[in-house]
C-alpha atoms as a PDB file:
ATOM      1  CA  MET A   1       2.705-180.938 -77.649  1.00  0.00           C
ATOM      2  CA  PHE A   2       2.380-177.714 -75.308  1.00  0.00           C
ATOM      3  CA  LYS A   3       0.322-178.350 -72.634  1.00  0.00           C
ATOM      4  CA  VAL A   4      -2.651-176.032 -71.960  1.00  0.00           C
ATOM      5  CA  PHE A   5      -4.594-175.332 -68.902  1.00  0.00           C
ATOM      6  CA  VAL A   6      -7.717-173.418 -68.643  1.00  0.00           C
ATOM      7  CA  ASP A   7      -8.293-172.231 -65.274  1.00  0.00           C
ATOM      8  CA  GLY A   8     -12.440-171.331 -65.443  1.00  0.00           C
ATOM      9  CA  GLU A   9     -12.998-174.295 -68.112  1.00  0.00           C
ATOM     10  CA  ALA A  10     -16.834-173.790 -67.038  1.00  0.00           C
ATOM     11  CA  GLY A  11     -17.537-170.781 -67.824  1.00  0.00           C
ATOM     12  CA  THR A  12     -18.754-168.981 -71.478  1.00  0.00           C
ATOM     13  CA  THR A  13     -14.722-168.513 -72.499  1.00  0.00           C
ATOM     14  CA  GLY A  14     -13.890-171.373 -70.790  1.00  0.00           C
ATOM     15  CA  LEU A  15     -15.683-173.686 -72.730  1.00  0.00           C
ATOM     16  CA  GLN A  16     -14.984-171.785 -76.369  1.00  0.00           C
ATOM     17  CA  ILE A  17     -11.164-171.845 -75.602  1.00  0.00           C
ATOM     18  CA  ASN A  18     -11.404-176.155 -74.735  1.00  0.00           C
ATOM     19  CA  GLU A  19     -13.548-176.454 -77.766  1.00  0.00           C
ATOM     20  CA  ARG A  20     -11.142-174.460 -80.014  1.00  0.00           C
ATOM     21  CA  LEU A  21      -8.391-176.490 -79.059  1.00  0.00           C
ATOM     22  CA  ALA A  22      -9.545-179.890 -78.555  1.00  0.00           C
ATOM     23  CA  ASN A  23      -8.547-181.068 -82.070  1.00  0.00           C
ATOM     24  CA  ARG A  24      -5.376-179.675 -82.187  1.00  0.00           C
ATOM     25  CA  ASP A  25      -2.577-182.220 -82.659  1.00  0.00           C
ATOM     26  CA  ASP A  26      -0.165-179.449 -80.934  1.00  0.00           C
ATOM     27  CA  VAL A  27      -2.074-179.065 -78.031  1.00  0.00           C
ATOM     28  CA  GLU A  28      -2.468-181.174 -74.809  1.00  0.00           C
ATOM     29  CA  LEU A  29      -5.157-180.177 -72.907  1.00  0.00           C
ATOM     30  CA  LEU A  30      -4.871-180.512 -68.987  1.00  0.00           C
ATOM     31  CA  HIS A  31      -8.364-180.794 -66.595  1.00  0.00           C
ATOM     32  CA  ILE A  32      -8.740-179.972 -63.278  1.00  0.00           C
ATOM     33  CA  ASP A  33     -10.930-182.590 -61.418  1.00  0.00           C
ATOM     34  CA  PRO A  34     -14.386-180.442 -61.200  1.00  0.00           C
ATOM     35  CA  GLU A  35     -14.299-181.400 -57.264  1.00  0.00           C
ATOM     36  CA  LEU A  36     -10.825-179.833 -56.794  1.00  0.00           C
ATOM     37  CA  ARG A  37     -11.484-176.486 -59.304  1.00  0.00           C
ATOM     38  CA  LYS A  38     -11.514-174.493 -56.366  1.00  0.00           C
ATOM     39  CA  ASP A  39      -8.383-176.407 -54.860  1.00  0.00           C
ATOM     40  CA  ALA A  40      -5.604-173.573 -54.584  1.00  0.00           C
ATOM     41  CA  LYS A  41      -2.899-176.542 -54.527  1.00  0.00           C
ATOM     42  CA  GLU A  42      -4.283-178.596 -57.386  1.00  0.00           C
ATOM     43  CA  ARG A  43      -4.770-175.091 -59.836  1.00  0.00           C
ATOM     44  CA  GLN A  44      -1.294-174.136 -58.950  1.00  0.00           C
ATOM     45  CA  ARG A  45       0.287-177.751 -59.747  1.00  0.00           C
ATOM     46  CA  LEU A  46      -1.704-177.812 -63.337  1.00  0.00           C
ATOM     47  CA  ILE A  47      -0.642-173.861 -63.958  1.00  0.00           C
ATOM     48  CA  ASN A  48       2.709-174.586 -63.504  1.00  0.00           C
ATOM     49  CA  GLU A  49       2.272-177.928 -65.387  1.00  0.00           C
ATOM     50  CA  SER A  50       1.442-175.944 -68.374  1.00  0.00           C
ATOM     51  CA  ASP A  51       2.960-174.157 -71.153  1.00  0.00           C
ATOM     52  CA  VAL A  52       0.150-171.803 -71.235  1.00  0.00           C
ATOM     53  CA  THR A  53      -2.641-171.313 -68.606  1.00  0.00           C
ATOM     54  CA  PHE A  54      -5.484-169.648 -69.656  1.00  0.00           C
ATOM     55  CA  LEU A  55      -7.478-167.793 -66.675  1.00  0.00           C
ATOM     56  CA  CYS A  56     -11.395-167.468 -67.306  1.00  0.00           C
ATOM     57  CA  LEU A  57     -12.262-166.197 -64.049  1.00  0.00           C
ATOM     58  CA  PRO A  58     -13.331-163.273 -62.336  1.00  0.00           C
ATOM     59  CA  ASP A  59     -11.372-160.437 -61.711  1.00  0.00           C
ATOM     60  CA  ALA A  60     -10.534-161.323 -58.081  1.00  0.00           C
ATOM     61  CA  ALA A  61      -9.849-164.811 -58.863  1.00  0.00           C
ATOM     62  CA  SER A  62      -7.722-164.370 -62.227  1.00  0.00           C
ATOM     63  CA  LYS A  63      -5.091-162.435 -59.663  1.00  0.00           C
ATOM     64  CA  GLU A  64      -4.954-165.066 -57.250  1.00  0.00           C
ATOM     65  CA  SER A  65      -4.585-167.871 -59.830  1.00  0.00           C
ATOM     66  CA  ALA A  66      -2.005-165.572 -61.690  1.00  0.00           C
ATOM     67  CA  GLU A  67      -0.083-165.428 -58.579  1.00  0.00           C
ATOM     68  CA  LEU A  68       0.048-169.345 -58.295  1.00  0.00           C
ATOM     69  CA  CYS A  69       2.219-169.154 -60.932  1.00  0.00           C
ATOM     70  CA  THR A  70       6.175-169.869 -60.303  1.00  0.00           C
ATOM     71  CA  ASN A  71       7.256-171.776 -63.354  1.00  0.00           C
ATOM     72  CA  PRO A  72       8.806-168.754 -64.874  1.00  0.00           C
ATOM     73  CA  LYS A  73       8.475-170.567 -68.535  1.00  0.00           C
ATOM     74  CA  THR A  74       4.285-170.413 -67.820  1.00  0.00           C
ATOM     75  CA  LYS A  75       2.683-167.986 -70.277  1.00  0.00           C
ATOM     76  CA  ILE A  76      -0.542-166.736 -68.948  1.00  0.00           C
ATOM     77  CA  ILE A  77      -3.276-165.466 -70.968  1.00  0.00           C
ATOM     78  CA  ASP A  78      -5.817-163.888 -68.529  1.00  0.00           C
ATOM     79  CA  ALA A  79      -9.298-163.054 -69.919  1.00  0.00           C
ATOM     80  CA  SER A  80     -10.510-161.283 -67.088  1.00  0.00           C
ATOM     81  CA  THR A  81     -10.539-156.970 -67.004  1.00  0.00           C
ATOM     82  CA  ALA A  82      -7.667-157.635 -63.717  1.00  0.00           C
ATOM     83  CA  HIS A  83      -4.539-156.847 -65.909  1.00  0.00           C
ATOM     84  CA  ARG A  84      -5.603-155.052 -68.922  1.00  0.00           C
ATOM     85  CA  THR A  85      -4.028-151.907 -67.812  1.00  0.00           C
ATOM     86  CA  ASN A  86      -1.279-153.322 -66.064  1.00  0.00           C
ATOM     87  CA  PRO A  87       1.816-151.989 -67.638  1.00  0.00           C
ATOM     88  CA  ALA A  88       3.604-155.626 -66.717  1.00  0.00           C
ATOM     89  CA  TRP A  89       1.269-157.360 -68.896  1.00  0.00           C
ATOM     90  CA  ALA A  90       1.230-157.264 -72.636  1.00  0.00           C
ATOM     91  CA  TYR A  91      -2.306-156.067 -73.955  1.00  0.00           C
ATOM     92  CA  GLY A  92      -3.321-158.986 -76.679  1.00  0.00           C
ATOM     93  CA  LEU A  93      -4.106-156.985 -79.861  1.00  0.00           C
ATOM     94  CA  SER A  94      -1.552-157.537 -81.588  1.00  0.00           C
ATOM     95  CA  GLU A  95      -2.507-155.891 -85.137  1.00  0.00           C
ATOM     96  CA  LEU A  96      -2.193-152.132 -83.118  1.00  0.00           C
ATOM     97  CA  SER A  97       1.314-151.942 -84.194  1.00  0.00           C
ATOM     98  CA  PRO A  98       4.990-153.787 -84.529  1.00  0.00           C
ATOM     99  CA  GLU A  99       5.375-153.059 -80.675  1.00  0.00           C
ATOM    100  CA  PHE A 100       2.007-154.588 -79.582  1.00  0.00           C
ATOM    101  CA  ARG A 101       2.790-157.809 -81.454  1.00  0.00           C
ATOM    102  CA  LYS A 102       6.153-157.751 -80.013  1.00  0.00           C
ATOM    103  CA  ALA A 103       4.915-157.398 -76.156  1.00  0.00           C
ATOM    104  CA  VAL A 104       3.014-160.854 -77.067  1.00  0.00           C
ATOM    105  CA  GLU A 105       5.820-162.427 -78.378  1.00  0.00           C
ATOM    106  CA  THR A 106       8.022-162.118 -75.537  1.00  0.00           C
ATOM    107  CA  ASN A 107       6.370-161.702 -72.549  1.00  0.00           C
ATOM    108  CA  THR A 108       4.650-164.547 -70.435  1.00  0.00           C
ATOM    109  CA  ARG A 109       1.796-162.204 -68.992  1.00  0.00           C
ATOM    110  CA  ILE A 110      -0.707-161.507 -71.586  1.00  0.00           C
ATOM    111  CA  ALA A 111      -4.189-159.515 -71.110  1.00  0.00           C
ATOM    112  CA  ASN A 112      -6.634-160.613 -73.317  1.00  0.00           C
ATOM    113  CA  PRO A 113      -8.686-157.686 -74.721  1.00  0.00           C
ATOM    114  CA  GLY A 114     -12.443-156.907 -73.621  1.00  0.00           C
ATOM    115  CA  CYS A 115     -15.181-157.288 -76.444  1.00  0.00           C
ATOM    116  CA  HIS A 116     -16.051-154.059 -76.274  1.00  0.00           C
ATOM    117  CA  ALA A 117     -12.724-152.138 -75.926  1.00  0.00           C
ATOM    118  CA  SER A 118     -11.521-154.682 -78.919  1.00  0.00           C
ATOM    119  CA  GLY A 119     -14.117-152.887 -81.380  1.00  0.00           C
ATOM    120  CA  PHE A 120     -13.561-149.028 -80.349  1.00  0.00           C
ATOM    121  CA  ILE A 121      -9.911-149.457 -79.837  1.00  0.00           C
ATOM    122  CA  LEU A 122      -9.483-151.295 -83.589  1.00  0.00           C
ATOM    123  CA  GLY A 123     -11.519-147.948 -84.818  1.00  0.00           C
ATOM    124  CA  VAL A 124      -9.761-145.344 -82.739  1.00  0.00           C
ATOM    125  CA  TYR A 125      -6.163-146.154 -82.247  1.00  0.00           C
ATOM    126  CA  PRO A 126      -4.800-145.807 -85.583  1.00  0.00           C
ATOM    127  CA  LEU A 127      -6.523-142.552 -86.066  1.00  0.00           C
ATOM    128  CA  ILE A 128      -4.488-141.029 -82.932  1.00  0.00           C
ATOM    129  CA  ALA A 129      -1.056-142.967 -83.913  1.00  0.00           C
ATOM    130  CA  ALA A 130      -1.669-141.438 -87.501  1.00  0.00           C
ATOM    131  CA  GLY A 131      -1.793-137.774 -85.706  1.00  0.00           C
ATOM    132  CA  LEU A 132      -5.578-136.778 -87.208  1.00  0.00           C
ATOM    133  CA  LEU A 133      -7.345-137.503 -83.955  1.00  0.00           C
ATOM    134  CA  LYS A 134      -6.903-135.625 -80.963  1.00  0.00           C
ATOM    135  CA  LYS A 135      -5.598-137.543 -77.604  1.00  0.00           C
ATOM    136  CA  ASN A 136      -8.463-135.058 -75.905  1.00  0.00           C
ATOM    137  CA  ALA A 137     -11.127-136.078 -78.336  1.00  0.00           C
ATOM    138  CA  ASP A 138     -14.731-135.785 -77.695  1.00  0.00           C
ATOM    139  CA  LEU A 139     -15.789-139.189 -78.804  1.00  0.00           C
ATOM    140  CA  ALA A 140     -18.757-141.071 -78.788  1.00  0.00           C
ATOM    141  CA  THR A 141     -19.708-144.836 -78.838  1.00  0.00           C
ATOM    142  CA  TYR A 142     -22.290-147.117 -79.030  1.00  0.00           C
ATOM    143  CA  SER A 143     -21.408-150.967 -78.832  1.00  0.00           C
ATOM    144  CA  LEU A 144     -24.383-153.332 -79.616  1.00  0.00           C
ATOM    145  CA  THR A 145     -23.858-157.138 -78.819  1.00  0.00           C
ATOM    146  CA  GLY A 146     -25.537-160.494 -78.442  1.00  0.00           C
ATOM    147  CA  TYR A 147     -26.265-161.496 -74.876  1.00  0.00           C
ATOM    148  CA  SER A 148     -23.949-164.126 -74.418  1.00  0.00           C
ATOM    149  CA  GLY A 149     -21.227-161.486 -73.823  1.00  0.00           C
ATOM    150  CA  GLY A 150     -22.974-162.031 -70.343  1.00  0.00           C
ATOM    151  CA  GLY A 151     -22.132-165.183 -69.336  1.00  0.00           C
ATOM    152  CA  LYS A 152     -24.237-168.096 -68.304  1.00  0.00           C
ATOM    153  CA  LYS A 153     -26.882-166.225 -66.187  1.00  0.00           C
ATOM    154  CA  MET A 154     -27.774-163.675 -69.005  1.00  0.00           C
ATOM    155  CA  ILE A 155     -27.478-166.625 -71.372  1.00  0.00           C
ATOM    156  CA  ALA A 156     -30.041-168.623 -69.430  1.00  0.00           C
ATOM    157  CA  ASP A 157     -32.631-165.169 -68.574  1.00  0.00           C
ATOM    158  CA  TYR A 158     -32.464-165.006 -72.777  1.00  0.00           C
ATOM    159  CA  GLU A 159     -33.219-168.429 -73.276  1.00  0.00           C
ATOM    160  CA  ALA A 160     -36.043-169.356 -71.186  1.00  0.00           C
ATOM    161  CA  GLU A 161     -39.049-170.127 -72.306  1.00  0.00           C
ATOM    162  CA  GLY A 162     -41.170-167.391 -73.501  1.00  0.00           C
ATOM    163  CA  ALA A 163     -38.593-164.740 -72.874  1.00  0.00           C
ATOM    164  CA  GLN A 164     -38.234-163.156 -76.450  1.00  0.00           C
ATOM    165  CA  ILE A 165     -42.123-164.072 -77.775  1.00  0.00           C
ATOM    166  CA  SER A 166     -43.827-160.923 -78.722  1.00  0.00           C
ATOM    167  CA  HIS A 167     -47.087-160.613 -79.519  1.00  0.00           C
ATOM    168  CA  PRO A 168     -49.103-157.535 -80.787  1.00  0.00           C
ATOM    169  CA  GLY A 169     -49.582-154.873 -77.437  1.00  0.00           C
ATOM    170  CA  GLU A 170     -46.912-156.325 -75.236  1.00  0.00           C
ATOM    171  CA  SER A 171     -43.339-155.939 -75.122  1.00  0.00           C
ATOM    172  CA  PRO A 172     -41.114-158.349 -73.198  1.00  0.00           C
ATOM    173  CA  ARG A 173     -38.698-157.228 -70.806  1.00  0.00           C
ATOM    174  CA  LEU A 174     -35.893-159.127 -73.275  1.00  0.00           C
ATOM    175  CA  PHE A 175     -37.471-158.660 -76.288  1.00  0.00           C
ATOM    176  CA  ALA A 176     -36.163-155.212 -77.517  1.00  0.00           C
ATOM    177  CA  PRO A 177     -32.734-154.200 -77.146  1.00  0.00           C
ATOM    178  CA  ARG A 178     -31.379-153.085 -73.657  1.00  0.00           C
ATOM    179  CA  PRO A 179     -28.709-150.107 -73.039  1.00  0.00           C
ATOM    180  CA  TYR A 180     -26.911-150.581 -69.876  1.00  0.00           C
ATOM    181  CA  ALA A 181     -23.939-149.347 -67.886  1.00  0.00           C
ATOM    182  CA  LEU A 182     -25.718-146.244 -67.903  1.00  0.00           C
ATOM    183  CA  GLY A 183     -23.583-144.585 -64.839  1.00  0.00           C
ATOM    184  CA  HIS A 184     -20.753-144.978 -67.298  1.00  0.00           C
ATOM    185  CA  HIS A 185     -18.518-146.896 -65.412  1.00  0.00           C
ATOM    186  CA  HIS A 186     -18.500-149.438 -68.098  1.00  0.00           C
ATOM    187  CA  LYS A 187     -15.195-151.675 -67.004  1.00  0.00           C
ATOM    188  CA  HIS A 188     -13.829-151.592 -70.769  1.00  0.00           C
ATOM    189  CA  LEU A 189     -13.407-148.296 -70.698  1.00  0.00           C
ATOM    190  CA  PRO A 190      -9.760-147.704 -68.384  1.00  0.00           C
ATOM    191  CA  GLU A 191      -8.135-150.220 -71.367  1.00  0.00           C
ATOM    192  CA  MET A 192     -10.221-148.282 -73.794  1.00  0.00           C
ATOM    193  CA  MET A 193      -8.567-144.933 -72.907  1.00  0.00           C
ATOM    194  CA  GLN A 194      -5.119-146.026 -71.514  1.00  0.00           C
ATOM    195  CA  VAL A 195      -4.547-148.110 -75.000  1.00  0.00           C
ATOM    196  CA  CYS A 196      -5.532-145.284 -77.056  1.00  0.00           C
ATOM    197  CA  GLY A 197      -3.497-142.729 -74.901  1.00  0.00           C
ATOM    198  CA  LEU A 198      -7.378-140.906 -74.329  1.00  0.00           C
ATOM    199  CA  GLU A 199      -7.099-138.075 -71.838  1.00  0.00           C
ATOM    200  CA  LYS A 200     -10.926-138.433 -71.778  1.00  0.00           C
ATOM    201  CA  ALA A 201     -13.431-141.133 -71.373  1.00  0.00           C
ATOM    202  CA  PRO A 202     -15.396-141.807 -74.680  1.00  0.00           C
ATOM    203  CA  ILE A 203     -19.328-141.221 -73.903  1.00  0.00           C
ATOM    204  CA  PHE A 204     -20.051-145.067 -74.356  1.00  0.00           C
ATOM    205  CA  ASN A 205     -23.589-146.985 -74.823  1.00  0.00           C
ATOM    206  CA  PRO A 206     -23.513-150.719 -74.710  1.00  0.00           C
ATOM    207  CA  VAL A 207     -26.512-152.323 -75.711  1.00  0.00           C
ATOM    208  CA  VAL A 208     -27.700-155.960 -74.979  1.00  0.00           C
ATOM    209  CA  GLY A 209     -29.537-157.236 -77.943  1.00  0.00           C
ATOM    210  CA  PRO A 210     -31.970-160.245 -78.253  1.00  0.00           C
ATOM    211  CA  TYR A 211     -29.644-162.239 -80.028  1.00  0.00           C
ATOM    212  CA  TYR A 212     -26.470-165.213 -79.135  1.00  0.00           C
ATOM    213  CA  LYS A 213     -23.391-163.304 -80.144  1.00  0.00           C
ATOM    214  CA  GLY A 214     -21.795-160.870 -82.760  1.00  0.00           C
ATOM    215  CA  MET A 215     -21.583-157.275 -81.932  1.00  0.00           C
ATOM    216  CA  ALA A 216     -20.794-154.086 -84.029  1.00  0.00           C
ATOM    217  CA  VAL A 217     -18.847-151.216 -82.088  1.00  0.00           C
ATOM    218  CA  SER A 218     -19.564-147.881 -83.931  1.00  0.00           C
ATOM    219  CA  THR A 219     -17.910-144.474 -82.945  1.00  0.00           C
ATOM    220  CA  ALA A 220     -18.927-141.119 -83.794  1.00  0.00           C
ATOM    221  CA  LEU A 221     -15.850-138.504 -85.167  1.00  0.00           C
ATOM    222  CA  PHE A 222     -16.506-134.765 -84.864  1.00  0.00           C
ATOM    223  CA  GLN A 223     -14.406-132.310 -86.733  1.00  0.00           C
ATOM    224  CA  SER A 224     -13.516-130.499 -83.405  1.00  0.00           C
ATOM    225  CA  SER A 225     -11.607-133.872 -82.404  1.00  0.00           C
ATOM    226  CA  LEU A 226      -9.307-133.849 -85.388  1.00  0.00           C
ATOM    227  CA  THR A 227      -6.003-132.273 -86.139  1.00  0.00           C
ATOM    228  CA  LYS A 228      -7.141-130.773 -89.494  1.00  0.00           C
ATOM    229  CA  SER A 229     -10.672-131.022 -91.763  1.00  0.00           C
ATOM    230  CA  ALA A 230     -10.843-134.817 -92.774  1.00  0.00           C
ATOM    231  CA  SER A 231     -13.487-136.554 -94.496  1.00  0.00           C
ATOM    232  CA  ALA A 232     -14.835-139.694 -94.067  1.00  0.00           C
ATOM    233  CA  LYS A 233     -12.883-141.493 -97.070  1.00  0.00           C
ATOM    234  CA  ASP A 234      -9.949-140.037 -95.784  1.00  0.00           C
ATOM    235  CA  VAL A 235     -10.685-142.092 -92.406  1.00  0.00           C
ATOM    236  CA  GLN A 236     -10.976-145.095 -94.461  1.00  0.00           C
ATOM    237  CA  GLU A 237      -7.566-144.988 -96.113  1.00  0.00           C
ATOM    238  CA  ILE A 238      -6.141-144.527 -92.879  1.00  0.00           C
ATOM    239  CA  LEU A 239      -7.602-147.367 -91.425  1.00  0.00           C
ATOM    240  CA  ALA A 240      -7.022-149.950 -94.354  1.00  0.00           C
ATOM    241  CA  ALA A 241      -3.392-148.899 -94.414  1.00  0.00           C
ATOM    242  CA  HIS A 242      -2.985-149.184 -90.867  1.00  0.00           C
ATOM    243  CA  TYR A 243      -4.181-152.641 -91.194  1.00  0.00           C
ATOM    244  CA  ALA A 244      -3.079-153.762 -94.671  1.00  0.00           C
ATOM    245  CA  ASN A 245      -0.914-156.466 -93.373  1.00  0.00           C
ATOM    246  CA  THR A 246      -3.015-157.591 -90.936  1.00  0.00           C
ATOM    247  CA  ARG A 247      -4.349-160.994 -91.248  1.00  0.00           C
ATOM    248  CA  PHE A 248      -7.993-160.697 -89.315  1.00  0.00           C
ATOM    249  CA  VAL A 249      -8.742-157.016 -89.378  1.00  0.00           C
ATOM    250  CA  LYS A 250     -10.322-156.223 -92.332  1.00  0.00           C
ATOM    251  CA  VAL A 251     -11.014-152.558 -93.649  1.00  0.00           C
ATOM    252  CA  LEU A 252     -14.215-152.689 -96.285  1.00  0.00           C
ATOM    253  CA  PRO A 253     -13.869-150.111 -99.047  1.00  0.00           C
ATOM    254  CA  PHE A 254     -15.441-146.715 -98.841  1.00  0.00           C
ATOM    255  CA  GLU A 255     -18.934-146.037-100.052  1.00  0.00           C
ATOM    256  CA  GLU A 256     -21.170-143.066 -99.712  1.00  0.00           C
ATOM    257  CA  GLU A 257     -24.021-144.704 -99.954  1.00  0.00           C
ATOM    258  CA  PRO A 258     -23.791-148.246 -98.671  1.00  0.00           C
ATOM    259  CA  THR A 259     -25.406-151.079 -99.881  1.00  0.00           C
ATOM    260  CA  LEU A 260     -24.425-153.549 -97.204  1.00  0.00           C
ATOM    261  CA  ASP A 261     -27.052-156.108 -96.234  1.00  0.00           C
ATOM    262  CA  ALA A 262     -30.506-153.615 -97.359  1.00  0.00           C
ATOM    263  CA  GLY A 263     -28.572-150.668 -96.072  1.00  0.00           C
ATOM    264  CA  SER A 264     -28.354-152.146 -92.588  1.00  0.00           C
ATOM    265  CA  LEU A 265     -25.226-153.048 -90.556  1.00  0.00           C
ATOM    266  CA  ASN A 266     -25.339-156.727 -89.439  1.00  0.00           C
ATOM    267  CA  PRO A 267     -23.698-157.141 -86.688  1.00  0.00           C
ATOM    268  CA  THR A 268     -23.494-160.777 -86.942  1.00  0.00           C
ATOM    269  CA  GLU A 269     -21.310-161.001 -90.152  1.00  0.00           C
ATOM    270  CA  CYS A 270     -18.243-162.101 -88.347  1.00  0.00           C
ATOM    271  CA  ASN A 271     -20.068-164.258 -86.261  1.00  0.00           C
ATOM    272  CA  GLY A 272     -17.727-167.783 -85.911  1.00  0.00           C
ATOM    273  CA  THR A 273     -14.698-166.178 -87.044  1.00  0.00           C
ATOM    274  CA  ASN A 274     -11.827-164.231 -85.780  1.00  0.00           C
ATOM    275  CA  GLU A 275     -12.379-161.710 -88.003  1.00  0.00           C
ATOM    276  CA  ALA A 276     -12.814-157.855 -87.284  1.00  0.00           C
ATOM    277  CA  HIS A 277     -14.489-156.111 -90.149  1.00  0.00           C
ATOM    278  CA  VAL A 278     -14.070-151.946 -89.922  1.00  0.00           C
ATOM    279  CA  TYR A 279     -16.251-150.066 -92.088  1.00  0.00           C
ATOM    280  CA  VAL A 280     -16.119-146.117 -92.371  1.00  0.00           C
ATOM    281  CA  PHE A 281     -19.491-144.338 -93.036  1.00  0.00           C
ATOM    282  CA  GLY A 282     -20.178-140.308 -93.783  1.00  0.00           C
ATOM    283  CA  LYS A 283     -20.664-137.441 -95.657  1.00  0.00           C
ATOM    284  CA  ASP A 284     -19.141-134.141 -95.700  1.00  0.00           C
ATOM    285  CA  SER A 285     -18.064-133.489 -91.808  1.00  0.00           C
ATOM    286  CA  SER A 286     -20.114-136.425 -90.679  1.00  0.00           C
ATOM    287  CA  ILE A 287     -17.952-139.337 -90.096  1.00  0.00           C
ATOM    288  CA  GLN A 288     -18.398-142.913 -88.193  1.00  0.00           C
ATOM    289  CA  VAL A 289     -16.141-145.463 -87.874  1.00  0.00           C
ATOM    290  CA  SER A 290     -17.731-149.574 -86.984  1.00  0.00           C
ATOM    291  CA  VAL A 291     -16.097-152.199 -86.506  1.00  0.00           C
ATOM    292  CA  ILE A 292     -17.920-155.733 -86.229  1.00  0.00           C
ATOM    293  CA  LEU A 293     -16.690-158.727 -84.663  1.00  0.00           C
ATOM    294  CA  ASP A 294     -17.983-161.830 -83.060  1.00  0.00           C
ATOM    295  CA  ASN A 295     -17.697-161.116 -79.248  1.00  0.00           C
ATOM    296  CA  LEU A 296     -17.421-164.811 -78.422  1.00  0.00           C
ATOM    297  CA  GLY A 297     -14.039-164.735 -81.115  1.00  0.00           C
ATOM    298  CA  LYS A 298     -12.234-161.864 -81.973  1.00  0.00           C
ATOM    299  CA  GLY A 299     -13.604-160.552 -78.646  1.00  0.00           C
ATOM    300  CA  ALA A 300     -12.650-163.293 -76.049  1.00  0.00           C
ATOM    301  CA  SER A 301     -11.678-166.879 -76.972  1.00  0.00           C
ATOM    302  CA  GLY A 302     -10.559-166.191 -80.372  1.00  0.00           C
ATOM    303  CA  ALA A 303      -8.397-163.232 -79.452  1.00  0.00           C
ATOM    304  CA  ALA A 304      -6.683-165.488 -76.757  1.00  0.00           C
ATOM    305  CA  ILE A 305      -6.229-168.577 -79.388  1.00  0.00           C
ATOM    306  CA  GLN A 306      -4.112-166.123 -81.135  1.00  0.00           C
ATOM    307  CA  ASN A 307      -2.358-164.873 -78.478  1.00  0.00           C
ATOM    308  CA  MET A 308      -1.510-168.323 -77.555  1.00  0.00           C
ATOM    309  CA  ASN A 309       0.019-169.076 -80.875  1.00  0.00           C
ATOM    310  CA  ILE A 310       2.263-165.489 -81.261  1.00  0.00           C
ATOM    311  CA  ALA A 311       3.467-166.319 -77.898  1.00  0.00           C
ATOM    312  CA  LEU A 312       4.241-169.984 -78.660  1.00  0.00           C
ATOM    313  CA  GLY A 313       5.839-168.737 -81.523  1.00  0.00           C
ATOM    314  CA  LEU A 314       3.234-170.527 -84.170  1.00  0.00           C
ATOM    315  CA  ASP A 315       1.011-169.542 -87.123  1.00  0.00           C
ATOM    316  CA  GLU A 316      -0.928-167.317 -85.694  1.00  0.00           C
ATOM    317  CA  GLY A 317      -4.040-168.165 -87.280  1.00  0.00           C
ATOM    318  CA  ILE A 318      -3.637-172.052 -85.976  1.00  0.00           C
ATOM    319  CA  GLY A 319      -7.144-173.165 -84.992  1.00  0.00           C
ATOM    320  CA  LEU A 320      -9.000-170.079 -86.647  1.00  0.00           C
ATOM    321  CA  VAL A 321     -11.288-168.622 -89.232  1.00  0.00           C
END
């Protein structure tokens, strides 16, 4: 029986992790008295009593909690941005390579990837690893996500009465998709660059849509950023080979004229799962890689549970679909 503590269990990701673990018979969940959730001594006791602690906290608080751990056997999985570019922490996207997986298996400090970053990296990393995409590539990425990724306040804003009701001649503020991070300083950019080994930041345009969860991360590839001429089908074949033996990352067959959902990409098709679906679209020199995932699943709590399973030497798919 593994003891698990979620520091920050009242947040969106913390709630999801607790929900995913609640029915497992190999896990004992340790809960903190709500009145003591900011008590450092009580949190320290629970962290060091646990086999695994998930940090579902703002960055500064996650760093403080990580420092409370003195038990060398306790594994810390941080869902915040705080440690994703820290070389002392394993980056928890095990599908990228055997080296990434080994790091999750052997390290007691694991940084859970960001949701936008997961979609971007899953589509770009294999192309750099294969030598097709230049490290100084000019990349443009847009990422459409459900509003749950913004946390409790954004969820409350979108679910307020009348927030998404539209009438002819009216455009409620939250009814249409909303691009944000327009200063190009999104917090996921550093990990996107570091993990992929990129020398330039992509032009990254995240967009919040008026729906609860699910995301589509699409990256345009320009021939000038490739080391040799390649077609969309060539790119699909590289990605398919890279992820051929992975459990949760699925590369879809290439279609010159995609049928999909009436010809449209559905950002919610992986909702409720820990899967990521990878598509390649394009014709001649025009290429786009799109990755679909549940921003609360493979983009957050699902990935965290997968990383816990791997770190504990369990089947990585326990409790996940």
